[in-house]
Amino acid sequence: MTTKHDERHGGAYDRGRADAYYSREAIPHYYTGGTSGPECHTKRTGLTAKETQSYWAGYSDCDERKDWR
C-alpha cells in the first residue's frame, strides 16, 4: 500500500525533499503558509505523526543532490 503525502509547496513532504536536495540537516518541519513573505511561518514543533512521516518520506525520496561546485 502506497501512502499519499500532501505534496504542496512548503508542506512536510516538500520540505523533506528540499532539505535532502540541499544537503541540509534533517529537522522535520513544514510551512503553514507560503515559503516566503509575511505568511511564511515554519512549524517545527507539535507535528503530527503523519506530518513527520511525510517529511521523512520526502527526505528519503529525494535521489538527487545539489552540486555545490
N, C-alpha and C. Protein backbone atom coordinates (compact mmCIF):
# COMPACT_ATOMS: atom_id res chain seq x y z
N MET A 1 0.84 -1.19 0.00
CA MET A 1 0.00 0.00 0.00
C MET A 1 0.88 1.25 0.00
N THR A 2 0.60 2.16 -0.89
CA THR A 2 1.37 3.39 -1.00
C THR A 2 0.68 4.50 -0.21
N THR A 3 1.47 5.22 0.57
CA THR A 3 0.93 6.33 1.36
C THR A 3 0.90 7.58 0.50
N LYS A 4 -0.20 8.29 0.51
CA LYS A 4 -0.33 9.56 -0.22
C LYS A 4 0.07 10.69 0.71
N HIS A 5 1.02 11.49 0.27
CA HIS A 5 1.50 12.62 1.07
C HIS A 5 1.02 13.93 0.46
N ASP A 6 0.79 14.90 1.31
CA ASP A 6 0.45 16.25 0.87
C ASP A 6 1.73 16.83 0.27
N GLU A 7 1.75 17.00 -1.03
CA GLU A 7 2.96 17.46 -1.70
C GLU A 7 2.94 18.95 -2.03
N ARG A 8 2.10 19.71 -1.33
CA ARG A 8 2.03 21.14 -1.62
C ARG A 8 3.37 21.81 -1.33
N HIS A 9 3.64 22.88 -2.07
CA HIS A 9 4.88 23.63 -1.85
C HIS A 9 4.88 24.16 -0.42
N GLY A 10 5.90 23.80 0.32
CA GLY A 10 6.01 24.22 1.71
C GLY A 10 5.51 23.18 2.70
N GLY A 11 4.84 22.13 2.20
CA GLY A 11 4.35 21.07 3.07
C GLY A 11 5.49 20.21 3.59
N ALA A 12 5.20 19.31 4.51
CA ALA A 12 6.22 18.49 5.15
C ALA A 12 6.99 17.64 4.13
N TYR A 13 6.29 17.02 3.18
CA TYR A 13 6.95 16.19 2.17
C TYR A 13 7.90 17.05 1.33
N ASP A 14 7.42 18.18 0.89
CA ASP A 14 8.21 19.11 0.09
C ASP A 14 9.44 19.60 0.84
N ARG A 15 9.29 19.92 2.11
CA ARG A 15 10.41 20.40 2.91
C ARG A 15 11.44 19.30 3.14
N GLY A 16 10.98 18.06 3.30
CA GLY A 16 11.92 16.94 3.42
C GLY A 16 12.74 16.78 2.16
N ARG A 17 12.08 16.83 1.02
CA ARG A 17 12.81 16.73 -0.26
C ARG A 17 13.80 17.88 -0.43
N ALA A 18 13.37 19.08 -0.07
CA ALA A 18 14.26 20.25 -0.21
C ALA A 18 15.47 20.13 0.70
N ASP A 19 15.26 19.71 1.95
CA ASP A 19 16.40 19.56 2.86
C ASP A 19 17.39 18.52 2.34
N ALA A 20 16.89 17.41 1.81
CA ALA A 20 17.78 16.39 1.26
C ALA A 20 18.51 16.94 0.04
N TYR A 21 17.80 17.59 -0.87
CA TYR A 21 18.41 18.11 -2.09
C TYR A 21 19.54 19.09 -1.78
N TYR A 22 19.32 19.97 -0.80
CA TYR A 22 20.32 20.96 -0.46
C TYR A 22 21.30 20.48 0.62
N SER A 23 21.24 19.19 0.95
CA SER A 23 22.13 18.58 1.95
C SER A 23 22.05 19.28 3.29
N ARG A 24 20.84 19.69 3.66
CA ARG A 24 20.65 20.34 4.96
C ARG A 24 20.37 19.27 6.02
N GLU A 25 20.58 19.65 7.27
CA GLU A 25 20.28 18.77 8.38
C GLU A 25 18.79 18.42 8.34
N ALA A 26 18.49 17.17 8.63
CA ALA A 26 17.10 16.71 8.62
C ALA A 26 16.42 17.08 9.93
N ILE A 27 15.58 18.10 9.87
CA ILE A 27 14.79 18.53 11.02
C ILE A 27 13.35 18.65 10.53
N PRO A 28 12.51 17.66 10.87
CA PRO A 28 11.13 17.68 10.37
C PRO A 28 10.42 19.00 10.65
N HIS A 29 9.84 19.57 9.59
CA HIS A 29 9.10 20.83 9.69
C HIS A 29 8.29 21.04 8.42
N TYR A 30 7.48 22.07 8.42
CA TYR A 30 6.78 22.49 7.22
C TYR A 30 6.38 23.95 7.40
N TYR A 31 5.96 24.57 6.31
CA TYR A 31 5.49 25.95 6.36
C TYR A 31 3.97 25.94 6.43
N THR A 32 3.42 26.73 7.35
CA THR A 32 1.97 26.77 7.50
C THR A 32 1.31 27.62 6.41
N GLY A 33 2.06 28.52 5.82
CA GLY A 33 1.56 29.34 4.71
C GLY A 33 2.47 29.14 3.52
N GLY A 34 2.81 30.23 2.87
CA GLY A 34 3.74 30.16 1.75
C GLY A 34 5.17 29.97 2.26
N THR A 35 6.10 29.95 1.34
CA THR A 35 7.50 29.77 1.74
C THR A 35 8.27 31.09 1.75
N SER A 36 7.57 32.18 1.52
CA SER A 36 8.21 33.50 1.62
C SER A 36 7.13 34.54 1.90
N GLY A 37 7.56 35.66 2.37
CA GLY A 37 6.62 36.74 2.64
C GLY A 37 6.05 36.68 4.05
N PRO A 38 5.11 37.57 4.34
CA PRO A 38 4.59 37.69 5.70
C PRO A 38 3.80 36.46 6.17
N GLU A 39 3.28 35.64 5.25
CA GLU A 39 2.52 34.46 5.66
C GLU A 39 3.41 33.24 5.91
N CYS A 40 4.71 33.42 5.79
CA CYS A 40 5.67 32.33 5.93
C CYS A 40 5.93 32.04 7.41
N HIS A 41 5.37 30.95 7.91
CA HIS A 41 5.59 30.54 9.29
C HIS A 41 6.02 29.09 9.30
N THR A 42 7.16 28.81 9.92
CA THR A 42 7.68 27.46 9.98
C THR A 42 7.14 26.75 11.21
N LYS A 43 6.61 25.57 11.02
CA LYS A 43 6.15 24.75 12.14
C LYS A 43 7.17 23.64 12.35
N ARG A 44 7.88 23.68 13.47
CA ARG A 44 8.89 22.68 13.77
C ARG A 44 8.52 21.82 14.98
N THR A 45 7.57 22.26 15.78
CA THR A 45 7.18 21.50 16.96
C THR A 45 5.71 21.14 16.86
N GLY A 46 5.33 20.09 17.53
CA GLY A 46 3.94 19.68 17.55
C GLY A 46 3.45 19.07 16.25
N LEU A 47 4.36 18.56 15.42
CA LEU A 47 3.95 17.90 14.18
C LEU A 47 3.23 16.60 14.53
N THR A 48 2.23 16.28 13.74
CA THR A 48 1.54 15.01 13.93
C THR A 48 2.45 13.88 13.42
N ALA A 49 2.09 12.67 13.75
CA ALA A 49 2.85 11.52 13.26
C ALA A 49 2.83 11.48 11.73
N LYS A 50 1.69 11.80 11.14
CA LYS A 50 1.57 11.80 9.67
C LYS A 50 2.46 12.88 9.04
N GLU A 51 2.52 14.07 9.64
CA GLU A 51 3.37 15.15 9.13
C GLU A 51 4.83 14.75 9.21
N THR A 52 5.22 14.16 10.33
CA THR A 52 6.61 13.72 10.50
C THR A 52 6.93 12.62 9.49
N GLN A 53 6.00 11.69 9.29
CA GLN A 53 6.19 10.62 8.32
C GLN A 53 6.34 11.20 6.91
N SER A 54 5.55 12.19 6.58
CA SER A 54 5.63 12.83 5.26
C SER A 54 6.98 13.50 5.06
N TYR A 55 7.47 14.18 6.10
CA TYR A 55 8.78 14.83 6.00
C TYR A 55 9.86 13.78 5.68
N TRP A 56 9.88 12.69 6.46
CA TRP A 56 10.91 11.66 6.26
C TRP A 56 10.75 10.96 4.92
N ALA A 57 9.52 10.80 4.45
CA ALA A 57 9.30 10.20 3.13
C ALA A 57 9.89 11.11 2.05
N GLY A 58 9.65 12.41 2.15
CA GLY A 58 10.22 13.34 1.19
C GLY A 58 11.73 13.34 1.24
N TYR A 59 12.28 13.28 2.44
CA TYR A 59 13.74 13.27 2.61
C TYR A 59 14.34 12.04 1.95
N SER A 60 13.72 10.89 2.15
CA SER A 60 14.28 9.65 1.58
C SER A 60 13.95 9.49 0.10
N ASP A 61 12.88 10.12 -0.39
CA ASP A 61 12.52 10.01 -1.80
C ASP A 61 13.41 10.85 -2.72
N CYS A 62 14.12 11.81 -2.15
CA CYS A 62 14.97 12.68 -2.97
C CYS A 62 16.24 11.91 -3.36
N ASP A 63 16.37 11.60 -4.65
CA ASP A 63 17.51 10.82 -5.11
C ASP A 63 18.54 11.67 -5.84
N GLU A 64 18.43 12.97 -5.70
CA GLU A 64 19.36 13.88 -6.37
C GLU A 64 19.80 14.94 -5.36
N ARG A 65 21.04 15.35 -5.45
CA ARG A 65 21.58 16.37 -4.53
C ARG A 65 22.16 17.52 -5.35
N LYS A 66 22.05 18.70 -4.80
CA LYS A 66 22.62 19.88 -5.47
C LYS A 66 24.13 19.76 -5.52
N ASP A 67 24.68 20.05 -6.67
CA ASP A 67 26.13 20.06 -6.85
C ASP A 67 26.63 21.46 -6.53
N TRP A 68 27.31 21.61 -5.42
CA TRP A 68 27.76 22.91 -4.94
C TRP A 68 29.08 23.37 -5.56
N ARG A 69 29.60 22.60 -6.52
CA ARG A 69 30.88 23.00 -7.15
C ARG A 69 30.71 24.17 -8.06
